[in-house]
Amino acid sequence: MRLTPAKVNLHLTVGKSRPLDGRHFVQSLLVPFTRVQDCLELTPNPPGTGVTLQLSGRPIPDGDSPETNLACRAVAAYCQAARIPPDW
C-alpha cells in the first residue's frame, strides 16, 4: 500500500514542441499537500487473471470511473501492455 499526497500546481509553463515526438517541454512547480491523500492498492490476482486496483480517499467529481480516473487509466495501460485484464 502506498499513500499518495495531493499536489498543488503553483505554476505551469508549456514550452516548444520536442523535435523527435512533437510533445511539448513543460515546467511545473508542484507543492505537496500532505494533509490530503489517497490510498492506492494494486493486488495481483491469480496468474493470468489480471490485477485489482483499490482506491480510497476523497471522491473526485466525475473521477470514479476507469475512463476518467488517472490511476485507473494507468493500470489499464499497464494491463494492456502486459496482456492481462484489469479487475475493476
N, C-alpha and C. Protein backbone atom coordinates (compact mmCIF):
# COMPACT_ATOMS: atom_id res chain seq x y z
N MET A 1 0.85 -1.17 0.00
CA MET A 1 0.00 0.00 0.00
C MET A 1 0.90 1.23 0.00
N ARG A 2 0.46 2.23 -0.77
CA ARG A 2 1.24 3.47 -0.84
C ARG A 2 0.31 4.65 -0.67
N LEU A 3 0.64 5.54 0.26
CA LEU A 3 -0.14 6.76 0.43
C LEU A 3 0.39 7.80 -0.55
N THR A 4 -0.50 8.45 -1.25
CA THR A 4 -0.10 9.40 -2.27
C THR A 4 -0.64 10.78 -1.92
N PRO A 5 0.23 11.68 -1.45
CA PRO A 5 -0.25 13.01 -1.08
C PRO A 5 -0.71 13.80 -2.30
N ALA A 6 -1.66 14.67 -2.07
CA ALA A 6 -2.11 15.57 -3.13
C ALA A 6 -1.00 16.56 -3.44
N LYS A 7 -1.09 17.14 -4.62
CA LYS A 7 -0.13 18.16 -5.03
C LYS A 7 -0.89 19.36 -5.57
N VAL A 8 -0.38 20.52 -5.29
CA VAL A 8 -0.96 21.75 -5.82
C VAL A 8 0.02 22.29 -6.85
N ASN A 9 -0.47 22.53 -8.05
CA ASN A 9 0.36 23.06 -9.11
C ASN A 9 0.33 24.58 -9.03
N LEU A 10 1.44 25.19 -8.61
CA LEU A 10 1.51 26.64 -8.47
C LEU A 10 1.87 27.34 -9.77
N HIS A 11 2.52 26.61 -10.67
CA HIS A 11 2.95 27.23 -11.93
C HIS A 11 3.11 26.14 -12.98
N LEU A 12 2.67 26.42 -14.20
CA LEU A 12 2.85 25.50 -15.31
C LEU A 12 3.17 26.30 -16.56
N THR A 13 4.27 25.95 -17.20
CA THR A 13 4.66 26.56 -18.47
C THR A 13 4.77 25.46 -19.51
N VAL A 14 4.08 25.62 -20.62
CA VAL A 14 4.17 24.67 -21.73
C VAL A 14 5.09 25.30 -22.77
N GLY A 15 6.18 24.60 -23.06
CA GLY A 15 7.18 25.14 -23.97
C GLY A 15 7.03 24.66 -25.39
N LYS A 16 8.12 24.73 -26.12
CA LYS A 16 8.15 24.34 -27.53
C LYS A 16 7.98 22.84 -27.67
N SER A 17 7.59 22.44 -28.87
CA SER A 17 7.48 21.02 -29.18
C SER A 17 8.85 20.38 -29.25
N ARG A 18 8.92 19.13 -28.80
CA ARG A 18 10.16 18.38 -28.93
C ARG A 18 10.30 17.90 -30.36
N PRO A 19 11.49 17.96 -30.94
CA PRO A 19 11.65 17.61 -32.35
C PRO A 19 11.38 16.13 -32.66
N LEU A 20 11.66 15.23 -31.74
CA LEU A 20 11.53 13.81 -32.05
C LEU A 20 10.09 13.29 -32.04
N ASP A 21 9.28 13.78 -31.09
CA ASP A 21 7.93 13.21 -30.98
C ASP A 21 6.81 14.24 -30.99
N GLY A 22 7.13 15.52 -31.06
CA GLY A 22 6.09 16.55 -31.13
C GLY A 22 5.46 16.90 -29.81
N ARG A 23 5.81 16.19 -28.75
CA ARG A 23 5.28 16.54 -27.43
C ARG A 23 5.98 17.80 -26.95
N HIS A 24 5.38 18.46 -25.96
CA HIS A 24 5.91 19.74 -25.50
C HIS A 24 6.76 19.59 -24.24
N PHE A 25 7.78 20.42 -24.15
CA PHE A 25 8.51 20.55 -22.90
C PHE A 25 7.61 21.27 -21.90
N VAL A 26 7.64 20.86 -20.64
CA VAL A 26 6.84 21.53 -19.62
C VAL A 26 7.71 21.82 -18.40
N GLN A 27 7.38 22.89 -17.72
CA GLN A 27 7.97 23.22 -16.42
C GLN A 27 6.81 23.40 -15.46
N SER A 28 6.95 22.81 -14.29
CA SER A 28 5.86 22.87 -13.33
C SER A 28 6.44 23.04 -11.93
N LEU A 29 5.77 23.80 -11.11
CA LEU A 29 6.14 23.94 -9.71
C LEU A 29 5.02 23.32 -8.89
N LEU A 30 5.30 22.14 -8.33
CA LEU A 30 4.31 21.41 -7.53
C LEU A 30 4.69 21.47 -6.06
N VAL A 31 3.69 21.62 -5.22
CA VAL A 31 3.90 21.63 -3.78
C VAL A 31 3.06 20.51 -3.18
N PRO A 32 3.67 19.57 -2.44
CA PRO A 32 2.88 18.51 -1.83
C PRO A 32 1.94 19.06 -0.76
N PHE A 33 0.78 18.50 -0.71
CA PHE A 33 -0.24 18.89 0.27
C PHE A 33 -0.56 17.63 1.04
N THR A 34 0.25 17.36 2.08
CA THR A 34 0.25 16.05 2.73
C THR A 34 -0.96 15.77 3.62
N ARG A 35 -1.76 16.77 3.90
CA ARG A 35 -2.94 16.51 4.73
C ARG A 35 -4.08 15.87 3.95
N VAL A 36 -3.97 15.89 2.64
CA VAL A 36 -4.97 15.25 1.79
C VAL A 36 -4.23 14.18 1.00
N GLN A 37 -4.69 12.95 1.10
CA GLN A 37 -4.02 11.88 0.38
C GLN A 37 -5.00 10.77 0.05
N ASP A 38 -4.65 10.01 -0.95
CA ASP A 38 -5.40 8.85 -1.35
C ASP A 38 -4.59 7.62 -1.01
N CYS A 39 -5.25 6.50 -0.96
CA CYS A 39 -4.58 5.22 -0.77
C CYS A 39 -4.80 4.40 -2.03
N LEU A 40 -3.71 3.93 -2.63
CA LEU A 40 -3.76 3.09 -3.81
C LEU A 40 -3.26 1.71 -3.43
N GLU A 41 -4.02 0.68 -3.79
CA GLU A 41 -3.57 -0.68 -3.51
C GLU A 41 -3.75 -1.51 -4.78
N LEU A 42 -2.66 -1.99 -5.32
CA LEU A 42 -2.66 -2.79 -6.53
C LEU A 42 -2.29 -4.21 -6.13
N THR A 43 -3.20 -5.16 -6.37
CA THR A 43 -3.01 -6.53 -5.92
C THR A 43 -3.03 -7.46 -7.12
N PRO A 44 -2.02 -8.31 -7.26
CA PRO A 44 -2.07 -9.29 -8.35
C PRO A 44 -3.12 -10.36 -8.06
N ASN A 45 -3.87 -10.72 -9.08
CA ASN A 45 -4.83 -11.81 -8.99
C ASN A 45 -4.11 -13.11 -9.32
N PRO A 46 -4.80 -14.24 -9.26
CA PRO A 46 -4.15 -15.49 -9.68
C PRO A 46 -3.58 -15.36 -11.09
N PRO A 47 -2.53 -16.10 -11.40
CA PRO A 47 -1.87 -15.96 -12.70
C PRO A 47 -2.85 -15.98 -13.87
N GLY A 48 -2.67 -15.02 -14.76
CA GLY A 48 -3.50 -14.95 -15.96
C GLY A 48 -4.83 -14.26 -15.79
N THR A 49 -5.13 -13.78 -14.56
CA THR A 49 -6.44 -13.15 -14.34
C THR A 49 -6.34 -11.68 -14.00
N GLY A 50 -5.18 -11.07 -14.15
CA GLY A 50 -5.06 -9.62 -14.02
C GLY A 50 -4.68 -9.13 -12.65
N VAL A 51 -5.04 -7.88 -12.42
CA VAL A 51 -4.74 -7.20 -11.16
C VAL A 51 -6.00 -6.49 -10.68
N THR A 52 -6.03 -6.21 -9.39
CA THR A 52 -7.13 -5.45 -8.79
C THR A 52 -6.58 -4.16 -8.24
N LEU A 53 -7.22 -3.04 -8.56
CA LEU A 53 -6.85 -1.73 -8.05
C LEU A 53 -7.94 -1.26 -7.11
N GLN A 54 -7.56 -0.93 -5.88
CA GLN A 54 -8.49 -0.37 -4.92
C GLN A 54 -8.03 1.03 -4.57
N LEU A 55 -8.94 1.99 -4.66
CA LEU A 55 -8.66 3.39 -4.35
C LEU A 55 -9.52 3.83 -3.19
N SER A 56 -8.94 4.62 -2.30
CA SER A 56 -9.75 5.20 -1.24
C SER A 56 -9.25 6.62 -1.00
N GLY A 57 -10.12 7.43 -0.51
CA GLY A 57 -9.80 8.83 -0.28
C GLY A 57 -11.01 9.67 -0.61
N ARG A 58 -10.81 10.95 -0.75
CA ARG A 58 -11.91 11.83 -1.08
C ARG A 58 -12.36 11.60 -2.51
N PRO A 59 -13.66 11.57 -2.74
CA PRO A 59 -14.12 11.35 -4.12
C PRO A 59 -13.80 12.54 -5.02
N ILE A 60 -13.55 12.24 -6.27
CA ILE A 60 -13.28 13.26 -7.27
C ILE A 60 -14.51 13.33 -8.17
N PRO A 61 -15.09 14.50 -8.35
CA PRO A 61 -16.26 14.59 -9.23
C PRO A 61 -15.92 14.06 -10.62
N ASP A 62 -16.74 13.17 -11.13
CA ASP A 62 -16.54 12.55 -12.44
C ASP A 62 -15.20 11.84 -12.55
N GLY A 63 -14.61 11.47 -11.42
CA GLY A 63 -13.31 10.82 -11.47
C GLY A 63 -13.32 9.41 -10.94
N ASP A 64 -14.50 8.82 -10.80
CA ASP A 64 -14.57 7.50 -10.21
C ASP A 64 -14.74 6.38 -11.23
N SER A 65 -14.73 6.69 -12.50
CA SER A 65 -14.85 5.63 -13.50
C SER A 65 -13.47 5.34 -14.09
N PRO A 66 -13.25 4.13 -14.56
CA PRO A 66 -11.95 3.79 -15.15
C PRO A 66 -11.58 4.68 -16.34
N GLU A 67 -12.56 5.25 -17.01
CA GLU A 67 -12.27 6.09 -18.16
C GLU A 67 -11.76 7.48 -17.77
N THR A 68 -12.12 7.97 -16.59
CA THR A 68 -11.75 9.33 -16.20
C THR A 68 -10.72 9.40 -15.08
N ASN A 69 -10.54 8.33 -14.33
CA ASN A 69 -9.61 8.33 -13.20
C ASN A 69 -8.20 8.02 -13.70
N LEU A 70 -7.26 8.91 -13.41
CA LEU A 70 -5.89 8.76 -13.93
C LEU A 70 -5.22 7.48 -13.43
N ALA A 71 -5.43 7.11 -12.17
CA ALA A 71 -4.84 5.87 -11.65
C ALA A 71 -5.42 4.67 -12.38
N CYS A 72 -6.71 4.67 -12.63
CA CYS A 72 -7.34 3.57 -13.36
C CYS A 72 -6.82 3.50 -14.79
N ARG A 73 -6.65 4.65 -15.41
CA ARG A 73 -6.13 4.67 -16.78
C ARG A 73 -4.71 4.13 -16.82
N ALA A 74 -3.89 4.44 -15.81
CA ALA A 74 -2.52 3.93 -15.76
C ALA A 74 -2.52 2.41 -15.60
N VAL A 75 -3.37 1.90 -14.72
CA VAL A 75 -3.46 0.45 -14.53
C VAL A 75 -3.97 -0.22 -15.81
N ALA A 76 -4.95 0.39 -16.46
CA ALA A 76 -5.48 -0.17 -17.71
C ALA A 76 -4.39 -0.24 -18.78
N ALA A 77 -3.56 0.81 -18.88
CA ALA A 77 -2.46 0.81 -19.85
C ALA A 77 -1.44 -0.27 -19.51
N TYR A 78 -1.13 -0.42 -18.22
CA TYR A 78 -0.21 -1.47 -17.80
C TYR A 78 -0.77 -2.85 -18.15
N CYS A 79 -2.05 -3.06 -17.84
CA CYS A 79 -2.67 -4.35 -18.11
C CYS A 79 -2.71 -4.65 -19.61
N GLN A 80 -2.98 -3.63 -20.40
CA GLN A 80 -3.00 -3.82 -21.84
C GLN A 80 -1.61 -4.22 -22.35
N ALA A 81 -0.57 -3.54 -21.86
CA ALA A 81 0.79 -3.85 -22.28
C ALA A 81 1.20 -5.25 -21.82
N ALA A 82 0.74 -5.65 -20.62
CA ALA A 82 1.08 -6.96 -20.07
C ALA A 82 0.13 -8.05 -20.54
N ARG A 83 -0.90 -7.65 -21.29
CA ARG A 83 -1.92 -8.58 -21.81
C ARG A 83 -2.63 -9.34 -20.70
N ILE A 84 -2.98 -8.59 -19.64
CA ILE A 84 -3.78 -9.17 -18.55
C ILE A 84 -4.99 -8.26 -18.32
N PRO A 85 -6.12 -8.80 -17.90
CA PRO A 85 -7.31 -7.96 -17.72
C PRO A 85 -7.30 -7.24 -16.36
N PRO A 86 -7.69 -5.95 -16.35
CA PRO A 86 -7.86 -5.30 -15.06
C PRO A 86 -9.16 -5.80 -14.41
N ASP A 87 -9.21 -5.78 -13.12
CA ASP A 87 -10.41 -6.20 -12.39
C ASP A 87 -10.94 -5.00 -11.64
N TRP A 88 -11.90 -4.31 -12.21
CA TRP A 88 -12.48 -3.13 -11.57
C TRP A 88 -13.49 -3.60 -10.59
